[in-house]
Structure formats: structure tokens, C-alpha cells
Amino acid sequence: MVRQLVELIRSWWVADRIRAGPRDGRLLRLCPGHALVVQGRPAVVLRRRVVSTAAGPHVAYECDSAVGPCELIVRLVPGTSAVTLTWSEGASEVSVSEPEVEAYRRRSHRPQ
């Protein structure tokens, strides 16, 4: 049983996933329900996908905003803790800098 546990932990540790420090990876850990403000425009994260491509893995956040569906793509620059960000609204796609993206966890209001 211990051997199976060790093998499970080892397989988890070597799995292909995006790794970054807690401070550096703030935009890699968003979840559905998070509120975003990208270049002054508000949006809400609806879905999170981790995508593997030949250029490396990235995280795609499908969002909803006042202008309709939009998407934030977060790519980790290989060998660094820096990220590149792409914001898409309709047919428009622009590169944004990390300071232009604010993320907030939405508080849930539960009846007491």
C-alpha cells in the first residue's frame, strides 16, 4: 500500500502541468466565478481549460462580458516565471500586460 501511495505521488509530481510560484502564477489559478477587469473592461470567468500545444501548455479562460463572449489566454514563458497574455473579444485579439489584468474572487452570498 505504501508503494502504491509513493507511485501515485511520483506520477502526480512528474505530470505535465504548468508550474509557477504562488505570486507569479496568480493568473494561472483563476476559476469559474472569478471576476476580471481587463484594460478597464469587466468580465466573469465561465470556464477554465488547460491546453497543450507544440508551443507549450497554456491556460484559456472563457469569459462573459458586457460585449459578449471573450477569452483570456495565459502562457508561461519557458524557463521563466513570466507570462504572456492575449485577450480576445469577438474578432479582436490583443496582447495585454499583466498589470492590465485585475482578478477578484467573487464572494458567494449564502443564506444563513
PDB file of N, CA and C in Angstrom:
ATOM      1  N   MET A   1       0.824  -1.191   0.000  1.00  0.00           N
ATOM      2  CA  MET A   1       0.000   0.000   0.000  1.00  0.00           C
ATOM      3  C   MET A   1       0.872   1.260   0.000  1.00  0.00           C
ATOM      4  N   VAL A   2       1.934   1.264   0.777  1.00  0.00           N
ATOM      5  CA  VAL A   2       2.841   2.403   0.809  1.00  0.00           C
ATOM      6  C   VAL A   2       3.481   2.590  -0.565  1.00  0.00           C
ATOM      7  N   ARG A   3       3.834   1.481  -1.185  1.00  0.00           N
ATOM      8  CA  ARG A   3       4.446   1.550  -2.510  1.00  0.00           C
ATOM      9  C   ARG A   3       3.484   2.181  -3.527  1.00  0.00           C
ATOM     10  N   GLN A   4       2.204   1.837  -3.459  1.00  0.00           N
ATOM     11  CA  GLN A   4       1.212   2.415  -4.355  1.00  0.00           C
ATOM     12  C   GLN A   4       1.055   3.917  -4.100  1.00  0.00           C
ATOM     13  N   LEU A   5       1.092   4.313  -2.834  1.00  0.00           N
ATOM     14  CA  LEU A   5       0.999   5.722  -2.483  1.00  0.00           C
ATOM     15  C   LEU A   5       2.205   6.490  -3.022  1.00  0.00           C
ATOM     16  N   VAL A   6       3.388   5.934  -2.870  1.00  0.00           N
ATOM     17  CA  VAL A   6       4.599   6.573  -3.387  1.00  0.00           C
ATOM     18  C   VAL A   6       4.522   6.696  -4.907  1.00  0.00           C
ATOM     19  N   GLU A   7       4.048   5.659  -5.581  1.00  0.00           N
ATOM     20  CA  GLU A   7       3.922   5.693  -7.033  1.00  0.00           C
ATOM     21  C   GLU A   7       2.887   6.737  -7.467  1.00  0.00           C
ATOM     22  N   LEU A   8       1.803   6.854  -6.738  1.00  0.00           N
ATOM     23  CA  LEU A   8       0.783   7.857  -7.032  1.00  0.00           C
ATOM     24  C   LEU A   8       1.354   9.265  -6.888  1.00  0.00           C
ATOM     25  N   ILE A   9       2.066   9.529  -5.823  1.00  0.00           N
ATOM     26  CA  ILE A   9       2.665  10.848  -5.605  1.00  0.00           C
ATOM     27  C   ILE A   9       3.703  11.141  -6.685  1.00  0.00           C
ATOM     28  N   ARG A  10       4.520  10.148  -7.043  1.00  0.00           N
ATOM     29  CA  ARG A  10       5.516  10.332  -8.087  1.00  0.00           C
ATOM     30  C   ARG A  10       4.866  10.647  -9.429  1.00  0.00           C
ATOM     31  N   SER A  11       3.821   9.928  -9.781  1.00  0.00           N
ATOM     32  CA  SER A  11       3.157  10.179 -11.065  1.00  0.00           C
ATOM     33  C   SER A  11       2.507  11.560 -11.078  1.00  0.00           C
ATOM     34  N   TRP A  12       1.977  12.005  -9.943  1.00  0.00           N
ATOM     35  CA  TRP A  12       1.410  13.345  -9.861  1.00  0.00           C
ATOM     36  C   TRP A  12       2.513  14.395 -10.029  1.00  0.00           C
ATOM     37  N   TRP A  13       3.656  14.178  -9.372  1.00  0.00           N
ATOM     38  CA  TRP A  13       4.742  15.149  -9.388  1.00  0.00           C
ATOM     39  C   TRP A  13       5.327  15.325 -10.785  1.00  0.00           C
ATOM     40  N   VAL A  14       5.455  14.269 -11.553  1.00  0.00           N
ATOM     41  CA  VAL A  14       6.076  14.360 -12.871  1.00  0.00           C
ATOM     42  C   VAL A  14       5.064  14.619 -13.983  1.00  0.00           C
ATOM     43  N   ALA A  15       3.809  14.775 -13.635  1.00  0.00           N
ATOM     44  CA  ALA A  15       2.774  15.030 -14.654  1.00  0.00           C
ATOM     45  C   ALA A  15       3.077  16.334 -15.383  1.00  0.00           C
ATOM     46  N   ASP A  16       2.697  16.393 -16.634  1.00  0.00           N
ATOM     47  CA  ASP A  16       2.913  17.580 -17.442  1.00  0.00           C
ATOM     48  C   ASP A  16       1.868  18.618 -17.073  1.00  0.00           C
ATOM     49  N   ARG A  17       2.316  19.637 -16.364  1.00  0.00           N
ATOM     50  CA  ARG A  17       1.407  20.712 -15.972  1.00  0.00           C
ATOM     51  C   ARG A  17       2.199  22.010 -15.900  1.00  0.00           C
ATOM     52  N   ILE A  18       1.492  23.102 -15.893  1.00  0.00           N
ATOM     53  CA  ILE A  18       2.130  24.406 -15.818  1.00  0.00           C
ATOM     54  C   ILE A  18       2.521  24.662 -14.377  1.00  0.00           C
ATOM     55  N   ARG A  19       3.799  25.026 -14.173  1.00  0.00           N
ATOM     56  CA  ARG A  19       4.294  25.271 -12.814  1.00  0.00           C
ATOM     57  C   ARG A  19       4.808  26.692 -12.707  1.00  0.00           C
ATOM     58  N   ALA A  20       4.435  27.359 -11.628  1.00  0.00           N
ATOM     59  CA  ALA A  20       4.927  28.704 -11.338  1.00  0.00           C
ATOM     60  C   ALA A  20       4.751  28.933  -9.848  1.00  0.00           C
ATOM     61  N   GLY A  21       5.515  29.860  -9.311  1.00  0.00           N
ATOM     62  CA  GLY A  21       5.398  30.195  -7.899  1.00  0.00           C
ATOM     63  C   GLY A  21       4.052  30.823  -7.600  1.00  0.00           C
ATOM     64  N   PRO A  22       3.637  30.837  -6.336  1.00  0.00           N
ATOM     65  CA  PRO A  22       2.321  31.365  -5.975  1.00  0.00           C
ATOM     66  C   PRO A  22       2.087  32.799  -6.431  1.00  0.00           C
ATOM     67  N   ARG A  23       3.066  33.657  -6.262  1.00  0.00           N
ATOM     68  CA  ARG A  23       2.901  35.051  -6.663  1.00  0.00           C
ATOM     69  C   ARG A  23       2.929  35.188  -8.182  1.00  0.00           C
ATOM     70  N   ASP A  24       3.842  34.464  -8.827  1.00  0.00           N
ATOM     71  CA  ASP A  24       3.977  34.543 -10.272  1.00  0.00           C
ATOM     72  C   ASP A  24       2.785  33.920 -10.987  1.00  0.00           C
ATOM     73  N   GLY A  25       2.164  32.929 -10.387  1.00  0.00           N
ATOM     74  CA  GLY A  25       1.112  32.191 -11.072  1.00  0.00           C
ATOM     75  C   GLY A  25      -0.299  32.638 -10.765  1.00  0.00           C
ATOM     76  N   ARG A  26      -0.486  33.853 -10.314  1.00  0.00           N
ATOM     77  CA  ARG A  26      -1.839  34.283  -9.913  1.00  0.00           C
ATOM     78  C   ARG A  26      -2.851  34.172 -11.044  1.00  0.00           C
ATOM     79  N   LEU A  27      -2.445  34.443 -12.269  1.00  0.00           N
ATOM     80  CA  LEU A  27      -3.380  34.351 -13.391  1.00  0.00           C
ATOM     81  C   LEU A  27      -3.508  32.937 -13.932  1.00  0.00           C
ATOM     82  N   LEU A  28      -2.722  32.006 -13.403  1.00  0.00           N
ATOM     83  CA  LEU A  28      -2.845  30.602 -13.818  1.00  0.00           C
ATOM     84  C   LEU A  28      -3.829  29.846 -12.938  1.00  0.00           C
ATOM     85  N   ARG A  29      -4.260  30.463 -11.823  1.00  0.00           N
ATOM     86  CA  ARG A  29      -5.105  29.772 -10.854  1.00  0.00           C
ATOM     87  C   ARG A  29      -6.539  30.281 -10.799  1.00  0.00           C
ATOM     88  N   LEU A  30      -6.965  31.033 -11.780  1.00  0.00           N
ATOM     89  CA  LEU A  30      -8.341  31.535 -11.767  1.00  0.00           C
ATOM     90  C   LEU A  30      -9.315  30.382 -11.948  1.00  0.00           C
ATOM     91  N   CYS A  31     -10.503  30.548 -11.424  1.00  0.00           N
ATOM     92  CA  CYS A  31     -11.550  29.515 -11.512  1.00  0.00           C
ATOM     93  C   CYS A  31     -12.839  30.159 -12.015  1.00  0.00           C
ATOM     94  N   PRO A  32     -13.771  29.329 -12.473  1.00  0.00           N
ATOM     95  CA  PRO A  32     -15.080  29.879 -12.841  1.00  0.00           C
ATOM     96  C   PRO A  32     -15.662  30.672 -11.674  1.00  0.00           C
ATOM     97  N   GLY A  33     -16.197  31.832 -12.004  1.00  0.00           N
ATOM     98  CA  GLY A  33     -16.752  32.715 -10.980  1.00  0.00           C
ATOM     99  C   GLY A  33     -15.849  33.887 -10.641  1.00  0.00           C
ATOM    100  N   HIS A  34     -14.554  33.791 -10.938  1.00  0.00           N
ATOM    101  CA  HIS A  34     -13.668  34.918 -10.692  1.00  0.00           C
ATOM    102  C   HIS A  34     -14.088  36.091 -11.580  1.00  0.00           C
ATOM    103  N   ALA A  35     -13.983  37.283 -11.029  1.00  0.00           N
ATOM    104  CA  ALA A  35     -14.259  38.500 -11.790  1.00  0.00           C
ATOM    105  C   ALA A  35     -12.940  39.051 -12.300  1.00  0.00           C
ATOM    106  N   LEU A  36     -12.923  39.491 -13.552  1.00  0.00           N
ATOM    107  CA  LEU A  36     -11.737  40.083 -14.162  1.00  0.00           C
ATOM    108  C   LEU A  36     -12.042  41.509 -14.593  1.00  0.00           C
ATOM    109  N   VAL A  37     -11.012  42.327 -14.597  1.00  0.00           N
ATOM    110  CA  VAL A  37     -11.079  43.637 -15.228  1.00  0.00           C
ATOM    111  C   VAL A  37      -9.865  43.683 -16.142  1.00  0.00           C
ATOM    112  N   VAL A  38     -10.105  43.643 -17.456  1.00  0.00           N
ATOM    113  CA  VAL A  38      -9.032  43.625 -18.450  1.00  0.00           C
ATOM    114  C   VAL A  38      -9.074  44.943 -19.207  1.00  0.00           C
ATOM    115  N   GLN A  39      -8.015  45.718 -19.070  1.00  0.00           N
ATOM    116  CA  GLN A  39      -7.942  47.047 -19.689  1.00  0.00           C
ATOM    117  C   GLN A  39      -9.177  47.880 -19.361  1.00  0.00           C
ATOM    118  N   GLY A  40      -9.633  47.788 -18.106  1.00  0.00           N
ATOM    119  CA  GLY A  40     -10.768  48.574 -17.643  1.00  0.00           C
ATOM    120  C   GLY A  40     -12.133  47.993 -17.963  1.00  0.00           C
ATOM    121  N   ARG A  41     -12.183  46.846 -18.658  1.00  0.00           N
ATOM    122  CA  ARG A  41     -13.475  46.242 -19.014  1.00  0.00           C
ATOM    123  C   ARG A  41     -13.731  45.021 -18.138  1.00  0.00           C
ATOM    124  N   PRO A  42     -14.872  44.967 -17.440  1.00  0.00           N
ATOM    125  CA  PRO A  42     -15.174  43.837 -16.551  1.00  0.00           C
ATOM    126  C   PRO A  42     -15.613  42.590 -17.319  1.00  0.00           C
ATOM    127  N   ALA A  43     -15.286  41.439 -16.742  1.00  0.00           N
ATOM    128  CA  ALA A  43     -15.698  40.139 -17.299  1.00  0.00           C
ATOM    129  C   ALA A  43     -15.757  39.140 -16.155  1.00  0.00           C
ATOM    130  N   VAL A  44     -16.423  38.018 -16.400  1.00  0.00           N
ATOM    131  CA  VAL A  44     -16.524  36.935 -15.414  1.00  0.00           C
ATOM    132  C   VAL A  44     -16.045  35.649 -16.069  1.00  0.00           C
ATOM    133  N   VAL A  45     -15.188  34.905 -15.361  1.00  0.00           N
ATOM    134  CA  VAL A  45     -14.680  33.629 -15.872  1.00  0.00           C
ATOM    135  C   VAL A  45     -15.797  32.591 -15.816  1.00  0.00           C
ATOM    136  N   LEU A  46     -16.078  31.968 -16.967  1.00  0.00           N
ATOM    137  CA  LEU A  46     -17.099  30.922 -17.044  1.00  0.00           C
ATOM    138  C   LEU A  46     -16.486  29.526 -17.026  1.00  0.00           C
ATOM    139  N   ARG A  47     -15.335  29.388 -17.694  1.00  0.00           N
ATOM    140  CA  ARG A  47     -14.712  28.071 -17.837  1.00  0.00           C
ATOM    141  C   ARG A  47     -13.201  28.229 -17.931  1.00  0.00           C
ATOM    142  N   ARG A  48     -12.483  27.236 -17.409  1.00  0.00           N
ATOM    143  CA  ARG A  48     -11.015  27.204 -17.440  1.00  0.00           C
ATOM    144  C   ARG A  48     -10.589  25.940 -18.159  1.00  0.00           C
ATOM    145  N   ARG A  49      -9.663  26.086 -19.133  1.00  0.00           N
ATOM    146  CA  ARG A  49      -9.127  24.928 -19.849  1.00  0.00           C
ATOM    147  C   ARG A  49      -7.611  25.009 -19.872  1.00  0.00           C
ATOM    148  N   VAL A  50      -6.945  23.888 -19.614  1.00  0.00           N
ATOM    149  CA  VAL A  50      -5.502  23.792 -19.794  1.00  0.00           C
ATOM    150  C   VAL A  50      -5.299  23.113 -21.133  1.00  0.00           C
ATOM    151  N   VAL A  51      -4.557  23.782 -22.021  1.00  0.00           N
ATOM    152  CA  VAL A  51      -4.377  23.312 -23.391  1.00  0.00           C
ATOM    153  C   VAL A  51      -2.900  23.045 -23.640  1.00  0.00           C
ATOM    154  N   SER A  52      -2.586  21.878 -24.211  1.00  0.00           N
ATOM    155  CA  SER A  52      -1.207  21.561 -24.585  1.00  0.00           C
ATOM    156  C   SER A  52      -1.068  21.703 -26.091  1.00  0.00           C
ATOM    157  N   THR A  53      -0.074  22.488 -26.508  1.00  0.00           N
ATOM    158  CA  THR A  53       0.198  22.678 -27.926  1.00  0.00           C
ATOM    159  C   THR A  53       1.683  22.445 -28.175  1.00  0.00           C
ATOM    160  N   ALA A  54       2.090  22.476 -29.430  1.00  0.00           N
ATOM    161  CA  ALA A  54       3.506  22.326 -29.772  1.00  0.00           C
ATOM    162  C   ALA A  54       4.329  23.460 -29.163  1.00  0.00           C
ATOM    163  N   ALA A  55       3.725  24.631 -28.994  1.00  0.00           N
ATOM    164  CA  ALA A  55       4.420  25.778 -28.404  1.00  0.00           C
ATOM    165  C   ALA A  55       4.471  25.699 -26.877  1.00  0.00           C
ATOM    166  N   GLY A  56       3.838  24.698 -26.302  1.00  0.00           N
ATOM    167  CA  GLY A  56       3.806  24.537 -24.850  1.00  0.00           C
ATOM    168  C   GLY A  56       2.398  24.691 -24.306  1.00  0.00           C
ATOM    169  N   PRO A  57       2.217  24.378 -23.032  1.00  0.00           N
ATOM    170  CA  PRO A  57       0.882  24.463 -22.434  1.00  0.00           C
ATOM    171  C   PRO A  57       0.484  25.905 -22.142  1.00  0.00           C
ATOM    172  N   HIS A  58      -0.810  26.145 -22.124  1.00  0.00           N
ATOM    173  CA  HIS A  58      -1.337  27.437 -21.707  1.00  0.00           C
ATOM    174  C   HIS A  58      -2.706  27.228 -21.068  1.00  0.00           C
ATOM    175  N   VAL A  59      -3.176  28.251 -20.384  1.00  0.00           N
ATOM    176  CA  VAL A  59      -4.491  28.214 -19.758  1.00  0.00           C
ATOM    177  C   VAL A  59      -5.392  29.187 -20.513  1.00  0.00           C
ATOM    178  N   ALA A  60      -6.567  28.716 -20.903  1.00  0.00           N
ATOM    179  CA  ALA A  60      -7.550  29.549 -21.600  1.00  0.00           C
ATOM    180  C   ALA A  60      -8.762  29.721 -20.688  1.00  0.00           C
ATOM    181  N   TYR A  61      -9.139  30.969 -20.471  1.00  0.00           N
ATOM    182  CA  TYR A  61     -10.317  31.278 -19.658  1.00  0.00           C
ATOM    183  C   TYR A  61     -11.419  31.816 -20.569  1.00  0.00           C
ATOM    184  N   GLU A  62     -12.497  31.066 -20.687  1.00  0.00           N
ATOM    185  CA  GLU A  62     -13.655  31.547 -21.423  1.00  0.00           C
ATOM    186  C   GLU A  62     -14.441  32.437 -20.466  1.00  0.00           C
ATOM    187  N   CYS A  63     -14.745  33.639 -20.933  1.00  0.00           N
ATOM    188  CA  CYS A  63     -15.372  34.640 -20.069  1.00  0.00           C
ATOM    189  C   CYS A  63     -16.627  35.221 -20.716  1.00  0.00           C
ATOM    190  N   ASP A  64     -17.372  35.958 -19.911  1.00  0.00           N
ATOM    191  CA  ASP A  64     -18.532  36.691 -20.399  1.00  0.00           C
ATOM    192  C   ASP A  64     -18.356  38.138 -19.963  1.00  0.00           C
ATOM    193  N   SER A  65     -18.636  39.055 -20.874  1.00  0.00           N
ATOM    194  CA  SER A  65     -18.535  40.481 -20.567  1.00  0.00           C
ATOM    195  C   SER A  65     -19.755  41.198 -21.128  1.00  0.00           C
ATOM    196  N   ALA A  66     -19.791  42.496 -20.943  1.00  0.00           N
ATOM    197  CA  ALA A  66     -20.924  43.292 -21.434  1.00  0.00           C
ATOM    198  C   ALA A  66     -21.023  43.239 -22.956  1.00  0.00           C
ATOM    199  N   VAL A  67     -19.894  42.999 -23.648  1.00  0.00           N
ATOM    200  CA  VAL A  67     -19.914  42.937 -25.113  1.00  0.00           C
ATOM    201  C   VAL A  67     -20.094  41.514 -25.629  1.00  0.00           C
ATOM    202  N   GLY A  68     -20.208  40.544 -24.716  1.00  0.00           N
ATOM    203  CA  GLY A  68     -20.419  39.153 -25.122  1.00  0.00           C
ATOM    204  C   GLY A  68     -19.275  38.241 -24.724  1.00  0.00           C
ATOM    205  N   PRO A  69     -19.169  37.076 -25.378  1.00  0.00           N
ATOM    206  CA  PRO A  69     -18.121  36.110 -25.039  1.00  0.00           C
ATOM    207  C   PRO A  69     -16.725  36.677 -25.309  1.00  0.00           C
ATOM    208  N   CYS A  70     -15.780  36.322 -24.444  1.00  0.00           N
ATOM    209  CA  CYS A  70     -14.399  36.752 -24.602  1.00  0.00           C
ATOM    210  C   CYS A  70     -13.502  35.673 -24.002  1.00  0.00           C
ATOM    211  N   GLU A  71     -12.201  35.804 -24.221  1.00  0.00           N
ATOM    212  CA  GLU A  71     -11.277  34.773 -23.740  1.00  0.00           C
ATOM    213  C   GLU A  71      -9.952  35.403 -23.353  1.00  0.00           C
ATOM    214  N   LEU A  72      -9.400  34.933 -22.242  1.00  0.00           N
ATOM    215  CA  LEU A  72      -8.063  35.320 -21.789  1.00  0.00           C
ATOM    216  C   LEU A  72      -7.175  34.092 -21.892  1.00  0.00           C
ATOM    217  N   ILE A  73      -6.067  34.219 -22.649  1.00  0.00           N
ATOM    218  CA  ILE A  73      -5.092  33.133 -22.788  1.00  0.00           C
ATOM    219  C   ILE A  73      -3.853  33.518 -21.994  1.00  0.00           C
ATOM    220  N   VAL A  74      -3.425  32.639 -21.091  1.00  0.00           N
ATOM    221  CA  VAL A  74      -2.246  32.886 -20.258  1.00  0.00           C
ATOM    222  C   VAL A  74      -1.199  31.833 -20.605  1.00  0.00           C
ATOM    223  N   ARG A  75      -0.050  32.293 -21.120  1.00  0.00           N
ATOM    224  CA  ARG A  75       1.053  31.397 -21.481  1.00  0.00           C
ATOM    225  C   ARG A  75       2.249  31.703 -20.600  1.00  0.00           C
ATOM    226  N   LEU A  76       2.848  30.669 -20.043  1.00  0.00           N
ATOM    227  CA  LEU A  76       4.061  30.819 -19.264  1.00  0.00           C
ATOM    228  C   LEU A  76       5.240  30.828 -20.227  1.00  0.00           C
ATOM    229  N   VAL A  77       6.105  31.826 -20.120  1.00  0.00           N
ATOM    230  CA  VAL A  77       7.288  31.903 -20.974  1.00  0.00           C
ATOM    231  C   VAL A  77       8.259  30.823 -20.507  1.00  0.00           C
ATOM    232  N   PRO A  78       8.653  29.881 -21.392  1.00  0.00           N
ATOM    233  CA  PRO A  78       9.527  28.767 -20.997  1.00  0.00           C
ATOM    234  C   PRO A  78      10.810  29.244 -20.313  1.00  0.00           C
ATOM    235  N   GLY A  79      11.126  28.584 -19.216  1.00  0.00           N
ATOM    236  CA  GLY A  79      12.351  28.881 -18.485  1.00  0.00           C
ATOM    237  C   GLY A  79      12.287  30.101 -17.586  1.00  0.00           C
ATOM    238  N   THR A  80      11.111  30.734 -17.494  1.00  0.00           N
ATOM    239  CA  THR A  80      10.950  31.916 -16.638  1.00  0.00           C
ATOM    240  C   THR A  80       9.646  31.792 -15.863  1.00  0.00           C
ATOM    241  N   SER A  81       9.391  32.787 -15.037  1.00  0.00           N
ATOM    242  CA  SER A  81       8.096  32.826 -14.349  1.00  0.00           C
ATOM    243  C   SER A  81       7.204  33.896 -14.973  1.00  0.00           C
ATOM    244  N   ALA A  82       7.636  34.460 -16.093  1.00  0.00           N
ATOM    245  CA  ALA A  82       6.847  35.486 -16.781  1.00  0.00           C
ATOM    246  C   ALA A  82       5.731  34.840 -17.596  1.00  0.00           C
ATOM    247  N   VAL A  83       4.672  35.594 -17.808  1.00  0.00           N
ATOM    248  CA  VAL A  83       3.550  35.113 -18.621  1.00  0.00           C
ATOM    249  C   VAL A  83       3.291  36.096 -19.761  1.00  0.00           C
ATOM    250  N   THR A  84       2.725  35.578 -20.842  1.00  0.00           N
ATOM    251  CA  THR A  84       2.208  36.433 -21.909  1.00  0.00           C
ATOM    252  C   THR A  84       0.703  36.261 -21.903  1.00  0.00           C
ATOM    253  N   LEU A  85      -0.006  37.350 -22.162  1.00  0.00           N
ATOM    254  CA  LEU A  85      -1.462  37.354 -22.078  1.00  0.00           C
ATOM    255  C   LEU A  85      -2.061  37.819 -23.391  1.00  0.00           C
ATOM    256  N   THR A  86      -3.106  37.127 -23.821  1.00  0.00           N
ATOM    257  CA  THR A  86      -3.848  37.510 -25.018  1.00  0.00           C
ATOM    258  C   THR A  86      -5.318  37.613 -24.644  1.00  0.00           C
ATOM    259  N   TRP A  87      -5.956  38.713 -25.023  1.00  0.00           N
ATOM    260  CA  TRP A  87      -7.367  38.960 -24.726  1.00  0.00           C
ATOM    261  C   TRP A  87      -8.123  39.003 -26.042  1.00  0.00           C
ATOM    262  N   SER A  88      -9.170  38.193 -26.150  1.00  0.00           N
ATOM    263  CA  SER A  88      -9.980  38.127 -27.370  1.00  0.00           C
ATOM    264  C   SER A  88     -11.420  38.514 -27.057  1.00  0.00           C
ATOM    265  N   GLU A  89     -11.946  39.427 -27.873  1.00  0.00           N
ATOM    266  CA  GLU A  89     -13.362  39.807 -27.825  1.00  0.00           C
ATOM    267  C   GLU A  89     -13.855  39.788 -29.262  1.00  0.00           C
ATOM    268  N   GLY A  90     -14.760  38.875 -29.570  1.00  0.00           N
ATOM    269  CA  GLY A  90     -15.246  38.771 -30.944  1.00  0.00           C
ATOM    270  C   GLY A  90     -14.092  38.466 -31.886  1.00  0.00           C
ATOM    271  N   ALA A  91     -13.932  39.275 -32.930  1.00  0.00           N
ATOM    272  CA  ALA A  91     -12.846  39.075 -33.902  1.00  0.00           C
ATOM    273  C   ALA A  91     -11.571  39.800 -33.485  1.00  0.00           C
ATOM    274  N   SER A  92     -11.609  40.547 -32.394  1.00  0.00           N
ATOM    275  CA  SER A  92     -10.463  41.325 -31.932  1.00  0.00           C
ATOM    276  C   SER A  92      -9.599  40.513 -30.974  1.00  0.00           C
ATOM    277  N   GLU A  93      -8.283  40.541 -31.175  1.00  0.00           N
ATOM    278  CA  GLU A  93      -7.347  39.841 -30.296  1.00  0.00           C
ATOM    279  C   GLU A  93      -6.165  40.762 -30.035  1.00  0.00           C
ATOM    280  N   VAL A  94      -5.886  41.039 -28.753  1.00  0.00           N
ATOM    281  CA  VAL A  94      -4.790  41.944 -28.401  1.00  0.00           C
ATOM    282  C   VAL A  94      -3.934  41.332 -27.310  1.00  0.00           C
ATOM    283  N   SER A  95      -2.656  41.702 -27.312  1.00  0.00           N
ATOM    284  CA  SER A  95      -1.765  41.328 -26.218  1.00  0.00           C
ATOM    285  C   SER A  95      -1.958  42.341 -25.105  1.00  0.00           C
ATOM    286  N   VAL A  96      -2.016  41.857 -23.872  1.00  0.00           N
ATOM    287  CA  VAL A  96      -2.152  42.740 -22.720  1.00  0.00           C
ATOM    288  C   VAL A  96      -1.026  42.441 -21.747  1.00  0.00           C
ATOM    289  N   SER A  97      -0.695  43.415 -20.933  1.00  0.00           N
ATOM    290  CA  SER A  97       0.340  43.199 -19.925  1.00  0.00           C
ATOM    291  C   SER A  97      -0.311  42.739 -18.628  1.00  0.00           C
ATOM    292  N   GLU A  98       0.468  42.110 -17.784  1.00  0.00           N
ATOM    293  CA  GLU A  98      -0.074  41.577 -16.535  1.00  0.00           C
ATOM    294  C   GLU A  98      -0.713  42.660 -15.658  1.00  0.00           C
ATOM    295  N   PRO A  99      -0.143  43.864 -15.550  1.00  0.00           N
ATOM    296  CA  PRO A  99      -0.803  44.900 -14.733  1.00  0.00           C
ATOM    297  C   PRO A  99      -2.156  45.352 -15.290  1.00  0.00           C
ATOM    298  N   GLU A 100      -2.436  45.080 -16.568  1.00  0.00           N
ATOM    299  CA  GLU A 100      -3.712  45.472 -17.157  1.00  0.00           C
ATOM    300  C   GLU A 100      -4.839  44.487 -16.827  1.00  0.00           C
ATOM    301  N   VAL A 101      -4.503  43.397 -16.129  1.00  0.00           N
ATOM    302  CA  VAL A 101      -5.500  42.382 -15.777  1.00  0.00           C
ATOM    303  C   VAL A 101      -5.610  42.302 -14.261  1.00  0.00           C
ATOM    304  N   GLU A 102      -6.776  42.653 -13.762  1.00  0.00           N
ATOM    305  CA  GLU A 102      -7.064  42.524 -12.333  1.00  0.00           C
ATOM    306  C   GLU A 102      -8.016  41.357 -12.158  1.00  0.00           C
ATOM    307  N   ALA A 103      -7.786  40.554 -11.125  1.00  0.00           N
ATOM    308  CA  ALA A 103      -8.639  39.388 -10.866  1.00  0.00           C
ATOM    309  C   ALA A 103      -9.135  39.440  -9.430  1.00  0.00           C
ATOM    310  N   TYR A 104     -10.414  39.133  -9.266  1.00  0.00           N
ATOM    311  CA  TYR A 104     -11.047  39.154  -7.950  1.00  0.00           C
ATOM    312  C   TYR A 104     -11.868  37.892  -7.774  1.00  0.00           C
ATOM    313  N   ARG A 105     -11.797  37.326  -6.605  1.00  0.00           N
ATOM    314  CA  ARG A 105     -12.660  36.187  -6.280  1.00  0.00           C
ATOM    315  C   ARG A 105     -14.004  36.754  -5.876  1.00  0.00           C
ATOM    316  N   ARG A 106     -15.035  36.272  -6.556  1.00  0.00           N
ATOM    317  CA  ARG A 106     -16.381  36.736  -6.214  1.00  0.00           C
ATOM    318  C   ARG A 106     -16.834  36.060  -4.949  1.00  0.00           C
ATOM    319  N   ARG A 107     -17.429  36.807  -4.076  1.00  0.00           N
ATOM    320  CA  ARG A 107     -17.954  36.236  -2.827  1.00  0.00           C
ATOM    321  C   ARG A 107     -19.327  35.674  -3.100  1.00  0.00           C
ATOM    322  N   SER A 108     -19.550  34.482  -2.555  1.00  0.00           N
ATOM    323  CA  SER A 108     -20.885  33.902  -2.707  1.00  0.00           C
ATOM    324  C   SER A 108     -21.734  34.347  -1.517  1.00  0.00           C
ATOM    325  N   HIS A 109     -22.956  34.650  -1.788  1.00  0.00           N
ATOM    326  CA  HIS A 109     -23.885  35.057  -0.734  1.00  0.00           C
ATOM    327  C   HIS A 109     -24.808  33.892  -0.433  1.00  0.00           C
ATOM    328  N   ARG A 110     -24.544  33.243   0.694  1.00  0.00           N
ATOM    329  CA  ARG A 110     -25.355  32.086   1.091  1.00  0.00           C
ATOM    330  C   ARG A 110     -26.329  32.475   2.196  1.00  0.00           C
ATOM    331  N   PRO A 111     -27.530  31.962   2.129  1.00  0.00           N
ATOM    332  CA  PRO A 111     -28.471  32.246   3.230  1.00  0.00           C
ATOM    333  C   PRO A 111     -27.975  31.633   4.518  1.00  0.00           C
ATOM    334  N   GLN A 112     -28.169  32.345   5.600  1.00  0.00           N
ATOM    335  CA  GLN A 112     -27.709  31.820   6.888  1.00  0.00           C
ATOM    336  C   GLN A 112     -28.854  31.309   7.704  1.00  0.00           C
TER     337      GLN A 112
END
